[in-house]
Amino acid sequence: MENPAIQENNNQKTNHAVLSAQLQRVYFLTQILQAKVFWQGKKIGRLMDVVIADNDKLAEVTHLVVARPFGDGPLYIPLSKVKTMDARKIFVEAGDIKNFEGVPQQEPVLLKDHILDKKVLDTEDHEVDVVYDVKMSLLNNHLFVTDVDMSKYGLLRRMGLKWLGDIIYQPKQRPNKEIIPWTYIQPLPSNLGSFEGAVKLKVLKECLHDIDPVDLADIIEQLDPGQREAVFGELSLEHASDTLEEIDPNVQRQLVASLRKERAAQLINEMTPAQAADVLSALPADEAEDLLALLDKKDFEKVQSILKKQEARILDFATSDFIQFGPEITVAQVEEQFAPISKGKDVISYIYVTDPEGKLLGVANLKDLLLADDDLLLKDIMDTNVISLNPGSSLKETSRMFHHYNFQALPITDPAGKILGVIPYRDIMNLKHKFLE
């Protein structure tokens, strides 16, 4: 017969293995609701709701609410008593199950009852959408509420039509699409009662600066025109400009039309010429002309050339907002100056090393800089085999070079090797214009 101590140790290892396998596992509320709950090998009911402790930053699941048959009251089972959980079955390890009868002393916050199917309002009480699902993540045996899902993909998943959602929505469209982090949800009222109110966001006014422009563009596209204007008005100039670049052209037109021309011109001035042309090309011709006239003189001709599809020069797409240093500066000095000098630059992934006349001597990428010893000079770590464009390079040639070398930016140099500007990858490869045909 096996030693009891060894048996207990093996059981602990088994439990640990089970929990480790679930580490960082993701659950959607609607997929686990109605899961059968088992205790001591027998079914005791079905999952009817989930209790959370909302601490504003993250909400943590504390109990599972189990509906029992034959008119018995629900059980409030602590999450710590749950051994395994999936969409169909939940296994509970506990002593006397009767210890979990009755509602906890404090009024519970219930995900299904208080969050699911509730309207989501912005801070001005405008309706944004409806919560179709709630996302939870298991981390080190703690189950946290991470997001509320307002996506149509989430609705299809909830309806058991995930297969249809997989067909309609490409994989790259699913993550973060209309999914709001829990950190952007306002705390629920303390006296919930039979809560029938709406879930409110604090994101649209208080936390906009935390959201990546790509994600923020997705959120803005889902709002009605009035909400879009309110959200956009809260953004800093730089953040608004970056976000405007990512927004669908149809929404771009509506947003720009709602702005004062001077404000719209300021946003477009923050962009590179190619990005500016991309946005202006989505506008009616007369509006584009009005805004074009308000642009800085240094960019006016470049943007105009791109928009009119004249013999576009590669220099029209170049930016002068890149980082350059001399060869004798140390790595430590570059790192010390990097944060302030990189602010507002269009290209920050490369350090261009030049002589006093502007001749390009070499390039150091940011990764190599961070890994290098502080006392080394830039000339010690730079790559002198520089791949560059010349002023006569075509857009097709530039596109081919980006594909071939997989660089984030390419410099343009004249016959003497002087750097004239830098072409960011996105400005060529993400063009909506058909200049590459």
Protein backbone atom coordinates (compact mmCIF):
# COMPACT_ATOMS: atom_id res chain seq x y z
CA MET A 1 0.00 0.00 0.00
CA GLU A 2 1.27 3.46 -0.84
CA ASN A 3 2.52 5.62 2.03
CA PRO A 4 -0.23 8.19 2.94
CA ALA A 5 2.35 10.98 3.05
CA ILE A 6 3.49 10.11 -0.46
CA GLN A 7 -0.15 9.92 -1.61
CA GLU A 8 -0.85 13.39 -0.16
CA ASN A 9 2.30 14.77 -1.80
CA ASN A 10 1.24 13.33 -5.15
CA ASN A 11 -2.22 14.87 -4.75
CA GLN A 12 -0.65 18.26 -4.08
CA LYS A 13 1.54 17.90 -7.16
CA THR A 14 -1.50 16.96 -9.23
CA ASN A 15 -3.47 19.99 -7.97
CA HIS A 16 -0.49 22.25 -8.60
CA ALA A 17 -0.16 20.90 -12.13
CA VAL A 18 -3.85 21.53 -12.79
CA LEU A 19 -3.67 25.09 -11.51
CA SER A 20 -0.42 25.77 -13.39
CA ALA A 21 -2.07 24.60 -16.59
CA GLN A 22 -4.76 27.22 -16.01
CA LEU A 23 -2.26 29.98 -15.32
CA GLN A 24 -3.18 33.05 -17.38
CA ARG A 25 -6.20 31.24 -18.80
CA VAL A 26 -8.88 33.48 -20.27
CA TYR A 27 -12.60 33.06 -19.57
CA PHE A 28 -15.58 34.86 -21.05
CA LEU A 29 -18.51 35.18 -18.67
CA THR A 30 -21.16 34.05 -21.14
CA GLN A 31 -19.19 30.91 -21.95
CA ILE A 32 -19.04 29.68 -18.35
CA LEU A 33 -22.55 30.67 -17.25
CA GLN A 34 -24.74 27.58 -16.87
CA ALA A 35 -21.68 25.34 -16.47
CA LYS A 36 -22.49 22.32 -14.30
CA VAL A 37 -20.99 22.51 -10.80
CA PHE A 38 -19.78 19.32 -9.09
CA TRP A 39 -18.94 18.65 -5.43
CA GLN A 40 -17.65 15.30 -4.18
CA GLY A 41 -18.39 13.73 -7.55
CA LYS A 42 -22.03 14.78 -7.79
CA LYS A 43 -23.72 17.65 -9.57
CA ILE A 44 -25.00 20.30 -7.17
CA GLY A 45 -26.24 22.94 -9.60
CA ARG A 46 -25.25 25.35 -12.37
CA LEU A 47 -23.25 28.57 -12.41
CA MET A 48 -25.68 31.49 -12.44
CA ASP A 49 -23.42 34.48 -11.70
CA VAL A 50 -19.99 35.63 -10.53
CA VAL A 51 -19.27 37.88 -7.53
CA ILE A 52 -16.48 40.44 -7.84
CA ALA A 53 -14.64 42.82 -5.54
CA ASP A 54 -14.22 46.01 -7.55
CA ASN A 55 -11.10 47.90 -6.51
CA ASP A 56 -11.25 50.30 -9.48
CA LYS A 57 -7.98 49.29 -11.12
CA LEU A 58 -8.82 45.60 -11.37
CA ALA A 59 -11.86 43.69 -10.23
CA GLU A 60 -11.22 40.25 -8.74
CA VAL A 61 -13.66 37.36 -8.70
CA THR A 62 -14.33 36.28 -5.12
CA HIS A 63 -17.26 33.83 -5.37
CA LEU A 64 -19.21 31.76 -7.83
CA VAL A 65 -23.00 31.86 -7.46
CA VAL A 66 -24.46 28.40 -7.99
CA ALA A 67 -28.16 27.88 -8.64
CA ARG A 68 -29.50 24.67 -7.10
CA PRO A 69 -32.49 22.56 -8.15
CA PHE A 70 -35.64 21.76 -6.19
CA GLY A 71 -36.11 25.29 -4.85
CA ASP A 72 -32.95 25.35 -2.70
CA GLY A 73 -31.32 28.76 -2.34
CA PRO A 74 -28.13 29.61 -4.25
CA LEU A 75 -24.64 28.79 -3.02
CA TYR A 76 -21.90 31.42 -2.82
CA ILE A 77 -18.75 29.37 -3.25
CA PRO A 78 -15.38 31.10 -2.73
CA LEU A 79 -13.13 30.92 -5.76
CA SER A 80 -10.44 29.41 -3.52
CA LYS A 81 -12.61 26.28 -3.28
CA VAL A 82 -12.70 25.80 -7.05
CA LYS A 83 -10.33 23.10 -8.30
CA THR A 84 -10.96 23.28 -12.05
CA MET A 85 -13.25 25.31 -14.27
CA ASP A 86 -14.14 25.30 -17.95
CA ALA A 87 -17.14 26.18 -20.11
CA ARG A 88 -18.99 22.97 -19.22
CA LYS A 89 -17.92 21.79 -15.79
CA ILE A 90 -16.72 23.31 -12.53
CA PHE A 91 -15.32 21.10 -9.76
CA VAL A 92 -15.42 22.32 -6.16
CA GLU A 93 -13.29 20.98 -3.30
CA ALA A 94 -14.83 21.89 0.05
CA GLY A 95 -16.00 20.40 3.32
CA ASP A 96 -19.68 20.89 4.10
CA ILE A 97 -21.34 22.56 1.12
CA LYS A 98 -24.03 23.97 3.44
CA ASN A 99 -21.43 26.43 4.75
CA PHE A 100 -21.88 28.37 1.48
CA GLU A 101 -25.61 28.86 1.65
CA GLY A 102 -26.90 32.41 1.91
CA VAL A 103 -25.78 35.77 0.56
CA PRO A 104 -22.43 37.21 1.79
CA GLN A 105 -22.68 39.93 4.44
CA GLN A 106 -21.82 42.73 2.04
CA GLU A 107 -24.13 43.22 -0.92
CA PRO A 108 -22.40 41.36 -3.76
CA VAL A 109 -21.44 42.93 -7.08
CA LEU A 110 -22.57 40.45 -9.73
CA LEU A 111 -21.10 40.40 -13.21
CA LYS A 112 -24.15 38.96 -14.96
CA ASP A 113 -26.74 40.91 -13.01
CA HIS A 114 -24.94 44.25 -12.78
CA ILE A 115 -22.73 44.42 -15.89
CA LEU A 116 -23.92 42.11 -18.66
CA ASP A 117 -26.34 43.66 -21.18
CA LYS A 118 -26.02 47.08 -19.56
CA LYS A 119 -25.63 50.18 -21.70
CA VAL A 120 -22.19 51.77 -21.65
CA LEU A 121 -22.27 55.54 -21.26
CA ASP A 122 -19.49 58.06 -21.65
CA THR A 123 -18.88 60.76 -19.05
CA GLU A 124 -21.49 62.97 -20.73
CA ASP A 125 -24.09 60.18 -20.39
CA HIS A 126 -24.13 59.51 -24.12
CA GLU A 127 -24.72 55.88 -25.00
CA VAL A 128 -21.63 54.17 -26.46
CA ASP A 129 -22.76 50.56 -26.76
CA VAL A 130 -23.96 47.51 -24.82
CA VAL A 131 -21.88 45.03 -22.81
CA TYR A 132 -22.20 41.71 -24.61
CA ASP A 133 -19.62 39.85 -22.54
CA VAL A 134 -17.02 40.20 -19.80
CA LYS A 135 -13.47 38.93 -20.11
CA MET A 136 -11.62 37.42 -17.13
CA SER A 137 -8.04 36.18 -16.78
CA LEU A 138 -6.74 33.60 -14.31
CA LEU A 139 -3.33 34.54 -12.93
CA ASN A 140 -1.65 32.67 -10.08
CA ASN A 141 -4.98 31.27 -8.86
CA HIS A 142 -6.60 34.72 -8.87
CA LEU A 143 -9.32 35.45 -11.41
CA PHE A 144 -9.37 39.09 -12.51
CA VAL A 145 -11.93 40.96 -14.60
CA THR A 146 -9.88 42.62 -17.32
CA ASP A 147 -12.28 43.90 -20.00
CA VAL A 148 -15.87 44.45 -21.04
CA ASP A 149 -16.61 43.27 -24.56
CA MET A 150 -18.93 45.42 -26.69
CA SER A 151 -17.93 43.91 -30.03
CA LYS A 152 -20.24 42.25 -32.51
CA TYR A 153 -17.75 39.38 -32.52
CA GLY A 154 -18.36 39.04 -28.78
CA LEU A 155 -22.11 39.01 -29.41
CA LEU A 156 -21.77 36.20 -31.95
CA ARG A 157 -19.55 34.24 -29.56
CA ARG A 158 -22.15 34.67 -26.84
CA MET A 159 -24.89 33.39 -29.14
CA GLY A 160 -22.89 30.24 -29.83
CA LEU A 161 -22.01 31.51 -33.30
CA LYS A 162 -18.27 31.95 -32.78
CA TRP A 163 -17.69 29.97 -35.98
CA LEU A 164 -19.63 32.64 -37.88
CA GLY A 165 -17.66 35.40 -36.19
CA ASP A 166 -14.44 33.68 -37.25
CA ILE A 167 -15.64 33.82 -40.84
CA ILE A 168 -16.84 37.44 -40.74
CA TYR A 169 -13.95 38.95 -38.76
CA GLN A 170 -10.32 38.40 -39.66
CA PRO A 171 -8.06 37.44 -36.72
CA LYS A 172 -6.29 40.80 -36.71
CA GLN A 173 -9.63 42.56 -36.28
CA ARG A 174 -10.67 40.67 -33.15
CA PRO A 175 -8.21 41.64 -30.41
CA ASN A 176 -9.09 44.95 -28.72
CA LYS A 177 -11.89 45.68 -31.18
CA GLU A 178 -14.58 47.42 -29.12
CA ILE A 179 -13.14 45.90 -25.95
CA ILE A 180 -12.83 48.38 -23.08
CA PRO A 181 -10.34 47.69 -20.26
CA TRP A 182 -11.90 47.43 -16.81
CA THR A 183 -9.64 50.26 -15.66
CA TYR A 184 -11.78 52.58 -17.78
CA ILE A 185 -15.05 51.58 -16.09
CA GLN A 186 -16.29 53.84 -13.31
CA PRO A 187 -16.85 52.17 -9.92
CA LEU A 188 -20.35 50.81 -9.52
CA PRO A 189 -22.67 52.50 -6.99
CA SER A 190 -22.27 51.28 -3.40
CA ASN A 191 -26.00 50.57 -2.94
CA LEU A 192 -26.74 48.39 -5.92
CA GLY A 193 -30.13 46.99 -4.97
CA SER A 194 -31.70 45.69 -8.14
CA PHE A 195 -29.26 47.70 -10.27
CA GLU A 196 -30.82 48.58 -13.59
CA GLY A 197 -28.63 51.53 -14.46
CA ALA A 198 -25.92 51.86 -17.06
CA VAL A 199 -22.21 51.17 -16.87
CA LYS A 200 -20.29 54.43 -17.16
CA LEU A 201 -16.89 55.06 -18.68
CA LYS A 202 -14.22 57.28 -17.26
CA VAL A 203 -12.00 56.66 -20.26
CA LEU A 204 -13.38 59.27 -22.62
CA LYS A 205 -12.29 62.22 -20.54
CA GLU A 206 -9.82 61.03 -17.93
CA CYS A 207 -7.72 58.31 -19.56
CA LEU A 208 -7.59 59.12 -23.24
CA HIS A 209 -3.89 59.86 -23.09
CA ASP A 210 -3.26 56.24 -22.00
CA ILE A 211 -4.80 54.73 -25.13
CA ASP A 212 -2.70 53.91 -28.17
CA PRO A 213 -3.84 55.95 -31.23
CA VAL A 214 -4.72 52.74 -33.11
CA ASP A 215 -7.01 51.55 -30.28
CA LEU A 216 -8.43 55.02 -29.75
CA ALA A 217 -9.27 55.26 -33.45
CA ASP A 218 -11.25 52.02 -33.12
CA ILE A 219 -13.22 53.47 -30.18
CA ILE A 220 -13.89 56.79 -31.92
CA GLU A 221 -15.18 55.05 -35.03
CA GLN A 222 -17.92 53.42 -32.94
CA LEU A 223 -19.22 56.69 -31.46
CA ASP A 224 -21.85 58.97 -32.89
CA PRO A 225 -20.70 62.30 -34.42
CA GLY A 226 -21.34 64.33 -31.28
CA GLN A 227 -19.40 61.90 -29.11
CA ARG A 228 -16.51 61.83 -31.60
CA GLU A 229 -16.18 65.59 -31.45
CA ALA A 230 -16.27 65.55 -27.63
CA VAL A 231 -13.62 62.85 -27.42
CA PHE A 232 -11.41 64.44 -30.04
CA GLY A 233 -11.60 67.79 -28.30
CA GLU A 234 -10.01 66.28 -25.18
CA LEU A 235 -6.86 65.10 -26.96
CA SER A 236 -3.54 66.86 -27.05
CA LEU A 237 -2.43 68.14 -30.46
CA GLU A 238 0.11 65.36 -30.98
CA HIS A 239 -2.20 62.57 -29.76
CA ALA A 240 -5.10 63.89 -31.87
CA SER A 241 -2.87 64.03 -34.94
CA ASP A 242 -1.61 60.46 -34.43
CA THR A 243 -5.16 59.22 -33.87
CA LEU A 244 -6.55 61.03 -36.91
CA GLU A 245 -4.04 59.16 -39.11
CA GLU A 246 -5.49 55.81 -37.95
CA ILE A 247 -9.18 56.63 -38.39
CA ASP A 248 -11.22 55.32 -41.31
CA PRO A 249 -11.37 57.89 -44.18
CA ASN A 250 -15.16 58.26 -43.90
CA VAL A 251 -14.86 59.16 -40.23
CA GLN A 252 -11.84 61.36 -40.98
CA ARG A 253 -14.00 63.46 -43.30
CA GLN A 254 -16.68 63.91 -40.63
CA LEU A 255 -14.17 64.77 -37.91
CA VAL A 256 -12.18 67.26 -39.97
CA ALA A 257 -15.39 68.91 -41.14
CA SER A 258 -16.42 69.40 -37.50
CA LEU A 259 -13.15 71.15 -36.57
CA ARG A 260 -12.17 74.73 -37.04
CA LYS A 261 -9.94 74.94 -40.11
CA GLU A 262 -7.10 76.32 -38.05
CA ARG A 263 -7.31 73.35 -35.64
CA ALA A 264 -7.49 70.86 -38.52
CA ALA A 265 -4.45 72.48 -40.14
CA GLN A 266 -2.54 72.23 -36.86
CA LEU A 267 -3.26 68.49 -36.70
CA ILE A 268 -2.16 67.96 -40.28
CA ASN A 269 1.00 70.03 -39.73
CA GLU A 270 2.01 67.50 -37.05
CA MET A 271 2.11 64.76 -39.69
CA THR A 272 4.74 63.88 -42.25
CA PRO A 273 3.94 65.06 -45.81
CA ALA A 274 2.81 61.57 -46.85
CA GLN A 275 0.53 61.20 -43.84
CA ALA A 276 -0.87 64.69 -44.40
CA ALA A 277 -1.58 63.89 -48.04
CA ASP A 278 -3.26 60.66 -46.98
CA VAL A 279 -5.69 62.53 -44.73
CA LEU A 280 -6.30 65.40 -47.16
CA SER A 281 -7.01 62.93 -49.97
CA ALA A 282 -10.04 61.69 -47.99
CA LEU A 283 -11.60 65.18 -47.94
CA PRO A 284 -13.68 66.97 -50.55
CA ALA A 285 -11.42 68.89 -52.94
CA ASP A 286 -12.46 72.36 -51.76
CA GLU A 287 -11.88 71.49 -48.08
CA ALA A 288 -8.51 69.95 -48.90
CA GLU A 289 -7.46 73.08 -50.79
CA ASP A 290 -8.48 75.33 -47.89
CA LEU A 291 -6.47 73.26 -45.41
CA LEU A 292 -3.53 72.95 -47.77
CA ALA A 293 -3.27 76.73 -47.87
CA LEU A 294 -2.93 76.80 -44.07
CA LEU A 295 -0.04 74.33 -43.90
CA ASP A 296 3.51 75.33 -43.08
CA LYS A 297 5.34 76.56 -46.17
CA LYS A 298 8.05 73.93 -45.82
CA ASP A 299 5.50 71.15 -46.31
CA PHE A 300 3.04 72.87 -48.65
CA GLU A 301 4.77 72.01 -51.93
CA LYS A 302 5.51 68.43 -50.89
CA VAL A 303 1.93 67.71 -49.88
CA GLN A 304 0.55 69.48 -52.92
CA SER A 305 2.80 67.46 -55.22
CA ILE A 306 1.62 64.19 -53.66
CA LEU A 307 -2.05 65.18 -53.79
CA LYS A 308 -1.90 66.25 -57.43
CA LYS A 309 -0.11 63.02 -58.32
CA GLN A 310 2.53 64.92 -60.21
CA GLU A 311 5.92 63.36 -60.80
CA ALA A 312 6.22 62.70 -57.09
CA ARG A 313 9.76 62.97 -55.80
CA ILE A 314 10.91 60.69 -53.05
CA LEU A 315 12.04 63.79 -51.15
CA ASP A 316 8.39 64.87 -50.96
CA PHE A 317 7.83 61.91 -48.64
CA ALA A 318 10.90 62.54 -46.49
CA THR A 319 10.94 63.90 -42.96
CA SER A 320 13.64 66.02 -41.40
CA ASP A 321 12.50 65.04 -37.91
CA PHE A 322 15.05 62.31 -37.17
CA ILE A 323 17.83 61.89 -34.61
CA GLN A 324 21.44 62.57 -35.55
CA PHE A 325 24.64 62.86 -33.56
CA GLY A 326 28.32 63.18 -34.26
CA PRO A 327 30.57 60.09 -34.16
CA GLU A 328 32.57 61.12 -31.08
CA ILE A 329 29.69 61.23 -28.61
CA THR A 330 29.49 58.41 -26.06
CA VAL A 331 26.65 55.93 -25.68
CA ALA A 332 25.97 57.29 -22.19
CA GLN A 333 25.62 60.83 -23.55
CA VAL A 334 23.22 59.70 -26.27
CA GLU A 335 21.09 57.81 -23.75
CA GLU A 336 21.01 60.84 -21.47
CA GLN A 337 19.87 63.14 -24.29
CA PHE A 338 17.60 60.66 -26.05
CA ALA A 339 14.33 61.33 -24.20
CA PRO A 340 14.23 65.13 -24.71
CA ILE A 341 15.70 65.07 -28.22
CA SER A 342 13.36 62.34 -29.49
CA LYS A 343 10.21 64.24 -28.52
CA GLY A 344 8.24 65.07 -31.65
CA LYS A 345 10.54 63.14 -33.97
CA ASP A 346 9.02 61.01 -36.72
CA VAL A 347 11.83 58.43 -36.65
CA ILE A 348 13.33 57.37 -33.31
CA SER A 349 14.37 53.76 -33.94
CA TYR A 350 17.66 54.77 -35.57
CA ILE A 351 20.48 57.17 -34.67
CA TYR A 352 22.04 58.71 -37.78
CA VAL A 353 25.73 59.50 -37.30
CA THR A 354 26.91 62.48 -39.32
CA ASP A 355 29.97 64.73 -39.65
CA PRO A 356 29.76 68.53 -39.22
CA GLU A 357 28.81 68.94 -42.91
CA GLY A 358 25.91 66.49 -42.58
CA LYS A 359 27.58 63.58 -44.39
CA LEU A 360 26.08 60.27 -43.25
CA LEU A 361 28.83 58.17 -41.68
CA GLY A 362 26.79 55.35 -40.22
CA VAL A 363 23.60 54.26 -38.48
CA ALA A 364 23.05 52.82 -34.98
CA ASN A 365 19.73 51.25 -34.11
CA LEU A 366 18.15 51.80 -30.72
CA LYS A 367 18.56 48.18 -29.62
CA ASP A 368 22.32 48.21 -30.23
CA LEU A 369 22.57 51.50 -28.37
CA LEU A 370 20.84 50.13 -25.27
CA LEU A 371 23.01 46.99 -25.23
CA ALA A 372 26.32 48.82 -25.72
CA ASP A 373 28.73 49.81 -22.94
CA ASP A 374 28.27 53.39 -21.76
CA ASP A 375 31.83 54.47 -22.53
CA LEU A 376 31.79 53.37 -26.17
CA LEU A 377 31.52 56.03 -28.86
CA LEU A 378 28.81 56.06 -31.51
CA LYS A 379 31.45 55.41 -34.15
CA ASP A 380 32.31 52.18 -32.29
CA ILE A 381 28.79 50.74 -32.56
CA MET A 382 27.44 52.27 -35.78
CA ASP A 383 26.92 50.27 -38.94
CA THR A 384 28.96 51.90 -41.72
CA ASN A 385 27.38 49.76 -44.46
CA VAL A 386 24.44 52.11 -44.84
CA ILE A 387 21.61 51.32 -47.22
CA SER A 388 20.23 54.59 -48.52
CA LEU A 389 18.03 56.08 -51.22
CA ASN A 390 19.02 58.81 -53.62
CA PRO A 391 16.86 61.83 -54.50
CA GLY A 392 15.89 60.21 -57.80
CA SER A 393 14.65 56.94 -56.26
CA SER A 394 11.10 56.03 -57.24
CA LEU A 395 8.33 55.01 -54.86
CA LYS A 396 8.35 51.51 -56.35
CA GLU A 397 12.08 51.20 -55.70
CA THR A 398 11.62 52.48 -52.15
CA SER A 399 8.84 49.99 -51.55
CA ARG A 400 11.03 47.13 -52.84
CA MET A 401 13.88 48.19 -50.53
CA PHE A 402 11.60 48.22 -47.48
CA HIS A 403 10.37 44.74 -48.38
CA HIS A 404 13.90 43.46 -48.98
CA TYR A 405 15.69 44.91 -45.94
CA ASN A 406 12.80 45.09 -43.46
CA PHE A 407 14.01 48.47 -42.16
CA GLN A 408 11.77 50.85 -40.18
CA ALA A 409 13.17 53.84 -42.08
CA LEU A 410 15.54 54.59 -44.95
CA PRO A 411 17.76 57.69 -45.28
CA ILE A 412 18.05 59.73 -48.49
CA THR A 413 21.55 60.94 -49.37
CA ASP A 414 22.90 63.11 -52.17
CA PRO A 415 25.89 62.08 -54.35
CA ALA A 416 28.30 63.50 -51.74
CA GLY A 417 26.74 61.35 -49.00
CA LYS A 418 24.96 64.20 -47.21
CA ILE A 419 21.73 63.12 -45.53
CA LEU A 420 18.74 64.97 -46.99
CA GLY A 421 15.95 63.33 -45.06
CA VAL A 422 14.52 60.02 -43.86
CA ILE A 423 11.59 58.00 -45.20
CA PRO A 424 9.55 56.22 -42.47
CA TYR A 425 8.32 52.75 -43.41
CA ARG A 426 4.67 53.51 -42.73
CA ASP A 427 4.66 56.55 -45.00
CA ILE A 428 5.38 54.39 -48.04
CA MET A 429 3.94 50.99 -47.18
CA ASN A 430 0.66 52.27 -45.72
CA LEU A 431 -0.16 54.74 -48.48
CA LYS A 432 -3.79 54.76 -49.49
CA HIS A 433 -2.75 56.46 -52.73
CA LYS A 434 -2.06 54.10 -55.60
CA PHE A 435 1.38 55.51 -56.33
CA LEU A 436 3.03 52.13 -55.99
CA GLU A 437 1.15 50.60 -58.91
